[in-house]
Protein backbone atom coordinates (compact mmCIF):
# COMPACT_ATOMS: atom_id res chain seq x y z
CA UNK A 1 109.99 33.78 -8.17
CA UNK A 2 110.83 34.73 -4.56
CA UNK A 3 113.04 32.46 -2.50
CA UNK A 4 110.12 31.63 -0.19
CA UNK A 5 107.87 30.73 -3.10
CA UNK A 6 110.64 28.66 -4.64
CA UNK A 7 111.11 26.85 -1.33
CA UNK A 8 107.39 26.18 -1.15
CA UNK A 9 107.21 24.75 -4.65
CA UNK A 10 110.30 22.57 -4.29
CA UNK A 11 109.79 21.55 -0.69
CA UNK A 12 106.13 20.64 -1.15
CA UNK A 13 106.37 18.70 -4.35
CA UNK A 14 105.83 15.43 -2.53
CA UNK A 15 102.82 16.90 -0.78
CA UNK A 16 101.30 18.41 -3.90
CA UNK A 17 100.67 21.72 -2.16
CA UNK A 18 102.24 25.15 -2.13
CA UNK A 19 101.69 28.44 -0.38
CA UNK A 20 97.93 28.61 -0.67
CA UNK A 21 95.38 30.16 1.66
CA UNK A 22 93.06 27.90 3.66
CA UNK A 23 90.42 26.36 1.47
CA UNK A 24 86.80 27.39 1.83
CA UNK A 25 84.79 25.30 4.26
CA UNK A 26 81.84 24.64 1.97
CA UNK A 27 80.94 24.50 -1.65
CA UNK A 28 81.01 28.20 -2.36
CA UNK A 29 78.23 30.42 -3.61
CA UNK A 30 79.03 33.35 -5.84
CA UNK A 31 81.63 35.62 -4.25
CA UNK A 32 79.17 38.50 -3.88
CA UNK A 33 76.89 36.40 -1.64
CA UNK A 34 79.57 34.61 0.38
CA UNK A 35 78.75 34.76 4.10
CA UNK A 36 81.35 33.23 6.45
CA UNK A 37 78.66 32.90 9.13
CA UNK A 38 77.03 30.22 6.95
CA UNK A 39 80.21 28.20 6.46
CA UNK A 40 80.31 24.59 7.66
CA UNK A 41 83.16 22.23 8.46
CA UNK A 42 83.50 20.11 5.37
CA UNK A 43 83.87 16.33 5.19
CA UNK A 44 87.37 15.05 5.84
CA UNK A 45 88.59 18.07 7.82
CA UNK A 46 89.69 16.54 11.09
CA UNK A 47 87.90 14.62 13.78
CA UNK A 48 85.13 17.24 13.90
CA UNK A 49 83.90 16.01 10.53
CA UNK A 50 83.98 12.29 11.32
CA UNK A 51 80.16 12.05 11.36
CA UNK A 52 79.56 14.52 8.55
CA UNK A 53 79.77 18.30 8.26
CA UNK A 54 79.55 20.47 11.36
CA UNK A 55 76.88 22.96 10.34
CA UNK A 56 76.47 25.03 13.49
CA UNK A 57 73.76 27.62 12.94
CA UNK A 58 74.12 27.78 9.17
CA UNK A 59 70.44 26.85 8.73
CA UNK A 60 69.24 29.78 10.86
CA UNK A 61 66.42 31.87 9.49
CA UNK A 62 66.44 35.67 9.58
CA UNK A 63 64.74 35.77 12.98
CA UNK A 64 67.62 33.80 14.50
CA UNK A 65 70.47 35.72 12.85
CA UNK A 66 71.67 38.14 15.54
CA UNK A 67 74.25 40.92 15.53
CA UNK A 68 75.45 41.74 19.05
CA UNK A 69 77.62 44.54 20.44
CA UNK A 70 77.21 44.16 24.23
CA UNK A 71 77.39 41.45 26.84
CA UNK A 72 73.63 41.69 27.42
CA UNK A 73 72.86 41.30 23.72
CA UNK A 74 75.19 38.31 23.45
CA UNK A 75 73.63 36.60 26.48
CA UNK A 76 70.12 37.25 25.13
CA UNK A 77 70.98 35.85 21.68
CA UNK A 78 72.43 32.70 23.25
CA UNK A 79 69.34 32.16 25.41
CA UNK A 80 66.63 33.11 22.89
CA UNK A 81 64.28 30.45 21.49
CA UNK A 82 65.95 27.26 22.76
CA UNK A 83 66.35 24.57 20.13
CA UNK A 84 66.47 26.87 17.10
CA UNK A 85 69.64 27.03 14.97
CA UNK A 86 71.23 30.44 15.41
CA UNK A 87 73.95 32.66 14.02
CA UNK A 88 75.44 35.22 16.39
CA UNK A 89 77.63 37.88 14.78
CA UNK A 90 79.89 39.69 17.25
CA UNK A 91 80.65 43.28 16.30
CA UNK A 92 83.47 45.19 18.01
CA UNK A 93 84.53 44.50 21.62
CA UNK A 94 82.19 42.86 24.11
CA UNK A 95 83.40 43.10 27.71
CA UNK A 96 81.91 40.37 29.88
CA UNK A 97 82.80 42.23 33.07
CA UNK A 98 80.02 44.78 32.71
CA UNK A 99 76.70 45.29 34.46
CA UNK A 100 73.30 45.19 32.70
CA UNK A 101 73.69 48.85 31.73
CA UNK A 102 77.11 48.24 30.18
CA UNK A 103 79.08 49.89 33.00
CA UNK A 104 82.44 48.21 33.71
CA UNK A 105 82.74 45.93 36.73
CA UNK A 106 85.98 45.72 38.71
CA UNK A 107 86.96 42.86 41.00
CA UNK A 108 85.85 44.94 43.97
CA UNK A 109 82.33 45.01 42.55
CA UNK A 110 82.08 41.23 42.76
CA UNK A 111 83.61 40.87 46.24
CA UNK A 112 81.08 39.91 48.91
CA UNK A 113 80.80 38.62 52.47
CA UNK A 114 83.84 40.56 53.57
CA UNK A 115 86.31 39.18 51.05
CA UNK A 116 89.53 41.19 50.71
CA UNK A 117 92.71 39.90 49.15
CA UNK A 118 94.90 41.24 51.94
CA UNK A 119 92.75 39.48 54.53
CA UNK A 120 92.83 36.26 52.50
CA UNK A 121 96.62 36.40 52.29
CA UNK A 122 96.92 36.97 56.02
CA UNK A 123 94.53 34.14 56.85
CA UNK A 124 96.14 31.45 54.69
CA UNK A 125 99.82 32.36 54.86
CA UNK A 126 101.58 28.96 54.87
CA UNK A 127 103.86 30.14 57.68
CA UNK A 128 100.87 30.33 60.00
CA UNK A 129 98.09 28.32 58.31
CA UNK A 130 100.23 25.39 57.25
CA UNK A 131 99.52 23.07 54.31
CA UNK A 132 95.84 22.32 54.91
CA UNK A 133 93.30 23.41 52.29
CA UNK A 134 91.89 26.88 53.00
CA UNK A 135 88.63 26.75 54.93
CA UNK A 136 86.50 29.01 57.04
CA UNK A 137 84.81 32.37 56.49
CA UNK A 138 87.37 33.96 54.17
CA UNK A 139 87.54 30.94 51.88
CA UNK A 140 83.74 30.88 51.81
CA UNK A 141 83.74 34.60 50.99
CA UNK A 142 86.22 33.99 48.16
CA UNK A 143 84.00 31.25 46.70
CA UNK A 144 80.90 33.45 46.97
CA UNK A 145 82.71 36.33 45.27
CA UNK A 146 83.91 34.01 42.50
CA UNK A 147 80.33 32.85 41.95
CA UNK A 148 79.21 36.44 41.43
CA UNK A 149 81.84 36.96 38.74
CA UNK A 150 80.98 33.61 37.15
CA UNK A 151 77.38 34.74 36.70
CA UNK A 152 78.57 37.58 34.48
CA UNK A 153 81.48 36.16 32.51
CA UNK A 154 80.44 32.55 31.77
CA UNK A 155 78.08 32.43 28.78
CA UNK A 156 76.36 29.16 27.86
CA UNK A 157 76.34 28.21 24.17
CA UNK A 158 73.47 26.05 22.86
CA UNK A 159 73.60 23.37 20.18
CA UNK A 160 73.30 24.22 16.48
CA UNK A 161 75.01 27.58 16.95
CA UNK A 162 77.55 29.57 14.97
CA UNK A 163 79.30 32.43 16.76
CA UNK A 164 81.39 34.49 14.36
CA UNK A 165 83.22 37.78 14.60
CA UNK A 166 82.41 40.48 12.06
CA UNK A 167 85.38 41.96 10.24
CA UNK A 168 88.85 42.11 11.73
CA UNK A 169 88.30 43.44 15.25
CA UNK A 170 85.61 41.34 16.96
CA UNK A 171 86.71 40.65 20.54
CA UNK A 172 85.38 38.93 23.65
CA UNK A 173 87.11 40.48 26.64
CA UNK A 174 87.17 38.57 29.93
CA UNK A 175 84.55 36.07 28.72
CA UNK A 176 84.14 32.31 28.82
CA UNK A 177 82.10 30.60 26.11
CA UNK A 178 80.84 27.45 27.84
CA UNK A 179 79.80 24.70 25.41
CA UNK A 180 78.42 22.19 27.88
CA UNK A 181 76.79 18.94 26.74
CA UNK A 182 75.98 20.47 23.35
CA UNK A 183 76.39 19.38 19.75
CA UNK A 184 77.11 20.98 16.39
CA UNK A 185 78.77 24.28 17.35
CA UNK A 186 81.05 26.59 15.33
CA UNK A 187 83.18 29.39 16.79
CA UNK A 188 85.12 31.54 14.28
CA UNK A 189 86.94 34.82 13.80
CA UNK A 190 86.98 36.00 17.42
CA UNK A 191 89.74 37.34 19.62
CA UNK A 192 89.42 35.93 23.13
CA UNK A 193 91.37 38.23 25.41
CA UNK A 194 92.15 38.16 29.12
CA UNK A 195 89.70 35.66 30.52
CA UNK A 196 90.63 36.31 34.15
CA UNK A 197 89.54 35.23 37.61
CA UNK A 198 89.34 37.97 40.23
CA UNK A 199 89.47 35.42 43.06
CA UNK A 200 92.13 32.70 42.59
CA UNK A 201 92.25 30.02 45.26
CA UNK A 202 95.40 29.13 47.14
CA UNK A 203 96.17 25.39 47.07
CA UNK A 204 99.12 24.58 49.36
CA UNK A 205 99.26 20.97 48.11
CA UNK A 206 99.57 21.78 44.38
CA UNK A 207 103.16 20.80 43.62
CA UNK A 208 106.03 21.12 46.03
CA UNK A 209 105.47 24.80 46.77
CA UNK A 210 101.71 25.18 46.38
CA UNK A 211 100.00 27.20 43.63
CA UNK A 212 97.29 29.73 42.91
CA UNK A 213 94.51 28.16 40.84
CA UNK A 214 91.99 30.13 38.84
CA UNK A 215 88.71 29.49 37.06
CA UNK A 216 87.51 30.29 33.54
CA UNK A 217 88.81 29.15 30.18
CA UNK A 218 88.23 31.34 27.16
CA UNK A 219 86.45 28.46 25.44
CA UNK A 220 85.53 25.23 27.21
CA UNK A 221 84.01 22.16 25.57
CA UNK A 222 82.50 20.00 28.32
CA UNK A 223 80.78 16.80 27.26
CA UNK A 224 80.13 18.26 23.80
CA UNK A 225 80.39 16.79 20.31
CA UNK A 226 81.03 17.96 16.76
CA UNK A 227 82.64 21.34 17.31
CA UNK A 228 84.70 23.48 14.91
CA UNK A 229 86.99 26.18 16.35
CA UNK A 230 88.48 28.16 13.47
CA UNK A 231 90.42 31.37 12.82
CA UNK A 232 90.33 32.66 16.39
CA UNK A 233 93.01 34.37 18.45
CA UNK A 234 93.47 33.51 22.13
CA UNK A 235 95.64 35.83 24.23
CA UNK A 236 96.15 37.19 27.75
CA UNK A 237 96.46 40.56 26.05
CA UNK A 238 96.23 43.44 28.48
CA UNK A 239 97.02 41.27 31.55
CA UNK A 240 100.12 39.15 30.85
CA UNK A 241 101.12 36.70 33.56
CA UNK A 242 104.59 38.23 33.67
CA UNK A 243 103.09 41.47 35.03
CA UNK A 244 101.21 39.82 37.90
CA UNK A 245 102.49 39.73 41.50
CA UNK A 246 103.58 36.71 43.50
CA UNK A 247 102.15 35.73 46.88
CA UNK A 248 103.49 32.97 49.12
CA UNK A 249 106.39 32.74 46.67
CA UNK A 250 104.14 31.63 43.79
CA UNK A 251 102.72 33.60 40.82
CA UNK A 252 99.22 34.98 41.45
CA UNK A 253 97.74 33.12 38.49
CA UNK A 254 94.50 34.71 37.29
CA UNK A 255 94.27 32.82 33.97
CA UNK A 256 93.29 29.20 33.47
CA UNK A 257 93.17 27.68 29.97
CA UNK A 258 92.56 29.13 26.53
CA UNK A 259 90.77 26.08 25.13
CA UNK A 260 89.76 23.02 27.18
CA UNK A 261 88.24 19.85 25.72
CA UNK A 262 87.06 17.77 28.68
CA UNK A 263 84.56 15.38 30.25
CA UNK A 264 83.73 13.21 27.29
CA UNK A 265 83.87 15.89 24.61
CA UNK A 266 84.45 14.36 21.20
CA UNK A 267 84.89 15.06 17.49
CA UNK A 268 86.57 18.46 17.55
CA UNK A 269 88.57 20.28 14.88
CA UNK A 270 90.59 23.37 15.84
CA UNK A 271 92.11 24.97 12.74
CA UNK A 272 93.91 28.19 11.79
CA UNK A 273 93.85 29.65 15.31
CA UNK A 274 96.51 31.66 17.16
CA UNK A 275 97.28 30.81 20.78
CA UNK A 276 99.67 33.35 22.25
CA UNK A 277 101.10 34.82 25.47
CA UNK A 278 99.66 32.29 27.90
CA UNK A 279 100.64 29.58 30.37
CA UNK A 280 98.25 26.59 30.43
CA UNK A 281 97.05 26.66 26.84
CA UNK A 282 95.08 23.67 25.61
CA UNK A 283 93.95 20.78 27.79
CA UNK A 284 92.42 17.61 26.35
CA UNK A 285 91.16 15.52 29.27
CA UNK A 286 91.29 17.21 32.65
CA UNK A 287 91.82 14.32 35.05
CA UNK A 288 93.32 10.85 35.31
CA UNK A 289 90.16 9.81 37.12
CA UNK A 290 87.83 10.81 34.25
CA UNK A 291 88.25 7.63 32.24
CA UNK A 292 84.57 6.68 32.49
CA UNK A 293 83.70 9.82 30.53
CA UNK A 294 86.79 10.10 28.35
CA UNK A 295 87.77 6.64 27.12
CA UNK A 296 86.81 6.28 23.48
CA UNK A 297 86.20 10.03 23.20
CA UNK A 298 88.38 13.16 23.20
CA UNK A 299 89.09 12.74 19.48
CA UNK A 300 90.55 16.08 18.46
CA UNK A 301 92.39 17.45 15.41
CA UNK A 302 94.69 20.50 15.67
CA UNK A 303 95.97 21.77 12.34
CA UNK A 304 97.43 25.00 10.96
CA UNK A 305 97.45 26.72 14.35
CA UNK A 306 100.14 29.05 15.67
CA UNK A 307 101.30 28.49 19.25
CA UNK A 308 103.40 31.55 20.08
CA UNK A 309 105.08 32.25 23.42
CA UNK A 310 102.92 29.78 25.31
CA UNK A 311 104.40 28.01 28.30
CA UNK A 312 102.75 24.58 28.15
CA UNK A 313 99.86 22.32 27.06
CA UNK A 314 99.89 22.60 23.29
CA UNK A 315 98.24 20.20 23.92
CA UNK A 316 98.32 18.21 27.17
CA UNK A 317 96.46 14.96 26.46
CA UNK A 318 94.79 12.22 28.46
CA UNK A 319 92.86 9.31 26.90
CA UNK A 320 92.14 10.93 23.52
CA UNK A 321 93.19 10.17 19.96
CA UNK A 322 94.62 13.58 19.07
CA UNK A 323 96.01 14.52 15.65
CA UNK A 324 98.47 17.43 15.76
CA UNK A 325 99.78 18.29 12.31
CA UNK A 326 100.90 21.32 10.28
CA UNK A 327 101.06 23.63 13.31
CA UNK A 328 103.79 26.16 14.07
CA UNK A 329 105.18 26.18 17.61
CA UNK A 330 107.26 29.32 18.11
CA UNK A 331 109.02 30.53 21.20
CA UNK A 332 110.80 33.89 21.41
CA UNK A 333 113.94 34.39 23.52
CA UNK A 334 113.04 35.02 27.14
CA UNK A 335 109.46 33.77 26.94
CA UNK A 336 108.45 31.38 29.71
CA UNK A 337 108.59 27.78 28.51
CA UNK A 338 107.93 24.36 29.98
CA UNK A 339 106.95 21.99 27.12
CA UNK A 340 104.71 21.73 24.04
CA UNK A 341 103.29 18.19 23.81
CA UNK A 342 102.15 16.61 27.07
CA UNK A 343 101.65 12.84 26.91
CA UNK A 344 99.40 11.66 29.73
CA UNK A 345 97.35 8.68 30.84
CA UNK A 346 96.18 6.45 27.96
CA UNK A 347 96.78 9.24 25.47
CA UNK A 348 97.24 8.47 21.77
CA UNK A 349 98.90 11.57 20.33
CA UNK A 350 100.01 11.78 16.70
CA UNK A 351 102.31 14.74 15.96
CA UNK A 352 103.38 15.03 12.32
CA UNK A 353 104.64 17.65 9.85
CA UNK A 354 104.77 20.45 12.40
CA UNK A 355 107.26 23.33 12.46
CA UNK A 356 108.98 24.13 15.74
CA UNK A 357 111.01 27.31 16.24
CA UNK A 358 113.09 27.33 19.42
CA UNK A 359 115.39 30.01 20.80
CA UNK A 360 118.86 29.32 22.13
CA UNK A 361 118.67 27.51 25.45
CA UNK A 362 115.65 25.31 24.65
CA UNK A 363 116.51 21.93 23.13
CA UNK A 364 114.41 19.57 21.00
CA UNK A 365 114.36 17.15 23.94
CA UNK A 366 112.17 19.64 25.82
CA UNK A 367 109.32 19.64 23.28
CA UNK A 368 107.70 16.51 24.77
CA UNK A 369 106.84 15.73 28.40
CA UNK A 370 105.49 12.48 29.84
CA UNK A 371 103.32 12.01 32.92
CA UNK A 372 102.39 8.33 33.01
CA UNK A 373 104.33 5.11 32.38
CA UNK A 374 103.22 3.00 29.46
CA UNK A 375 102.27 5.90 27.21
CA UNK A 376 103.03 5.99 23.49
CA UNK A 377 102.84 8.49 20.66
CA UNK A 378 103.52 8.82 16.95
CA UNK A 379 106.05 11.52 16.05
CA UNK A 380 107.06 11.92 12.42
CA UNK A 381 108.12 14.47 9.84
CA UNK A 382 108.51 17.43 12.19
CA UNK A 383 111.13 20.16 11.71
CA UNK A 384 112.93 22.20 14.33
CA UNK A 385 114.31 25.51 13.08
CA UNK A 386 113.88 24.14 9.57
CA UNK A 387 115.83 20.92 10.16
CA UNK A 388 114.42 17.38 10.38
CA UNK A 389 114.60 16.23 14.00
CA UNK A 390 113.38 13.01 15.57
CA UNK A 391 111.77 14.66 18.58
CA UNK A 392 110.75 11.41 20.26
CA UNK A 393 114.31 10.11 20.02
CA UNK A 394 115.60 13.39 21.44
CA UNK A 395 113.20 13.09 24.36
CA UNK A 396 114.13 9.46 24.98
CA UNK A 397 117.86 10.19 24.96
CA UNK A 398 117.36 12.90 27.58
CA UNK A 399 114.88 10.87 29.67
CA UNK A 400 116.00 7.22 29.55
CA UNK A 401 114.16 6.41 32.79
CA UNK A 402 110.83 7.78 31.54
CA UNK A 403 110.39 6.33 28.05
CA UNK A 404 107.51 6.98 25.68
CA UNK A 405 106.60 4.16 23.33
CA UNK A 406 106.73 4.70 19.58
CA UNK A 407 103.36 4.39 17.85
CA UNK A 408 100.05 5.82 19.01
CA UNK A 409 98.13 2.78 17.78
CA UNK A 410 96.05 4.58 15.16
CA UNK A 411 96.56 6.39 11.87
CA UNK A 412 94.83 9.70 11.07
CA UNK A 413 92.81 9.77 7.85
CA UNK A 414 90.73 12.95 8.26
CA UNK A 415 93.18 15.48 6.86
CA UNK A 416 91.89 17.88 4.22
CA UNK A 417 95.40 19.13 3.30
CA UNK A 418 98.90 18.33 4.45
CA UNK A 419 101.57 20.97 3.85
CA UNK A 420 105.30 20.53 4.01
CA UNK A 421 106.55 21.65 7.44
CA UNK A 422 109.02 24.02 5.78
CA UNK A 423 106.18 26.24 4.58
CA UNK A 424 103.96 25.90 7.63
CA UNK A 425 105.41 29.00 9.36
CA UNK A 426 104.61 31.18 6.33
CA UNK A 427 101.16 29.67 5.83
CA UNK A 428 100.17 29.93 9.46
CA UNK A 429 101.77 33.34 9.86
CA UNK A 430 99.80 34.69 6.93
CA UNK A 431 96.41 33.08 7.48
CA UNK A 432 95.89 31.96 11.09
CA UNK A 433 94.01 33.95 13.69
CA UNK A 434 91.06 36.30 13.95
CA UNK A 435 90.53 38.78 11.13
CA UNK A 436 91.95 36.41 8.51
CA UNK A 437 88.97 34.41 7.33
CA UNK A 438 89.02 33.38 3.67
CA UNK A 439 87.15 35.83 1.51
CA UNK A 440 85.11 33.02 0.02
C-alpha cells in the first residue's frame, strides 16, 4: 500500500471515505450507454439539489441535441426553439471574438466613434482630469465600443439546458455564458479561458488610487435558480494579469470574475472545478445595496474545487448561506494573493474540511477578510499545509478591532460526501477540472 493510500485509509476512517473518484451524478445505465450530457445533479448534492435533481437538458430529444464547433453554431443552438430542453455539446475550441464567418476579431475591430486607448488615457489622466468620473465623447465612444464586443462575446443560456464539453479539450475562449433569470441549467466539462474586455473603464474613485474596471465574467448567474457547475476549468490562460501594462499607476485590468452568482440567484452547486491564474474569482452577491433581491437567496455549495494561484474572492460573500467544504486552496510562491474567504454584509459562510496550502510569507491569518461589522461565520476542521489550524482564531488574533463572530447560524445538510481534508489535495488534484468527468 502506498503512503498516500495508507494516509487516506487511516486519516479518513472517521469519515468512512478514501481516495475515490467523484460519484456518478445519476443512477447509472450500462457503461456502454453512459452519456455525461444526460447526467443530473442528484438529491443531496449541495444547495443546487435542495428542491430535487437539477436535470438541465437531460430530457432533450434528438432534435434538440446539438454539437457545436463555432461561435455561430453555439449562439444558434442556445436561441433555437425557446422553451425546449436542450443539450449542447461543445467540440474543440470556440472563440467568441469571431465574426459570422469565423474570422478572428481584434479589439480594434470593435472600436467605434473614434475610440483609441491613447486618446482615452490622455483625456482622463488624473493629473489633468482630476477625480471626477470620465464623461464626454471619449467615454461615450468607449461605452459604444464595449457594447459592440458585448454583442459577440455574451451568450444567453435558456432554462432547461445542459452545456457540456466533449472529450478533454472543449474550450470557450473569450466568452461569457450569461444565465439570466433562468432555471435548471447544467454547465460541465468546459475550459473557460481569457474572458477579456477590450475597453476597461477608468474609475478614479475606486479605492485610494483609482482602478480599471472591466466587464464580462466567464459564467454569470443573474437571478437564476437550480444550477449545477461541474468539472470545469476557469483560467486567464493566454492573457495573465501579470503580463498586462499599468496606466495611471494601476493595473490595466481586462478580466472581471470567473464565476459570479448575483441578483437573487439561488440553489447553486459548484463541484469539482478548477479556478486558476485569476484575480477576482468568485463573487456571491455583488452589492451591499442588493438586499431586496438577495436576502433569503444566494444559497450556494462549493465542494471539491481547486483554487490555484487566485488572488481573491474564493468566495466573496454577501447575504447568502454558502457552504464551502472539501476544497483545496493552493498558492504558489510569488503568486499574487490578497485573501481566500471574504465575509461581507449579512453573509453566512460555513467553511469546513478544506485543505489550504500556503507558501512562506502568507500566514493563516490572511485566509479570511471581513468587510462589515456584525458578520459571523462557521470555520471548522480545516487544515493548513496538512496541520489543523483554527483559521477564525488566527484571523481574530491578527485583527482584534475587526472581529468576526463564530457561528454562521445554520448547519449544512446537503453534502453527498465529506472527505478528510488530508486527502482533499490528492482527490481534487486527480479529478477536478475539465477533461476529468467520471467515465460513468
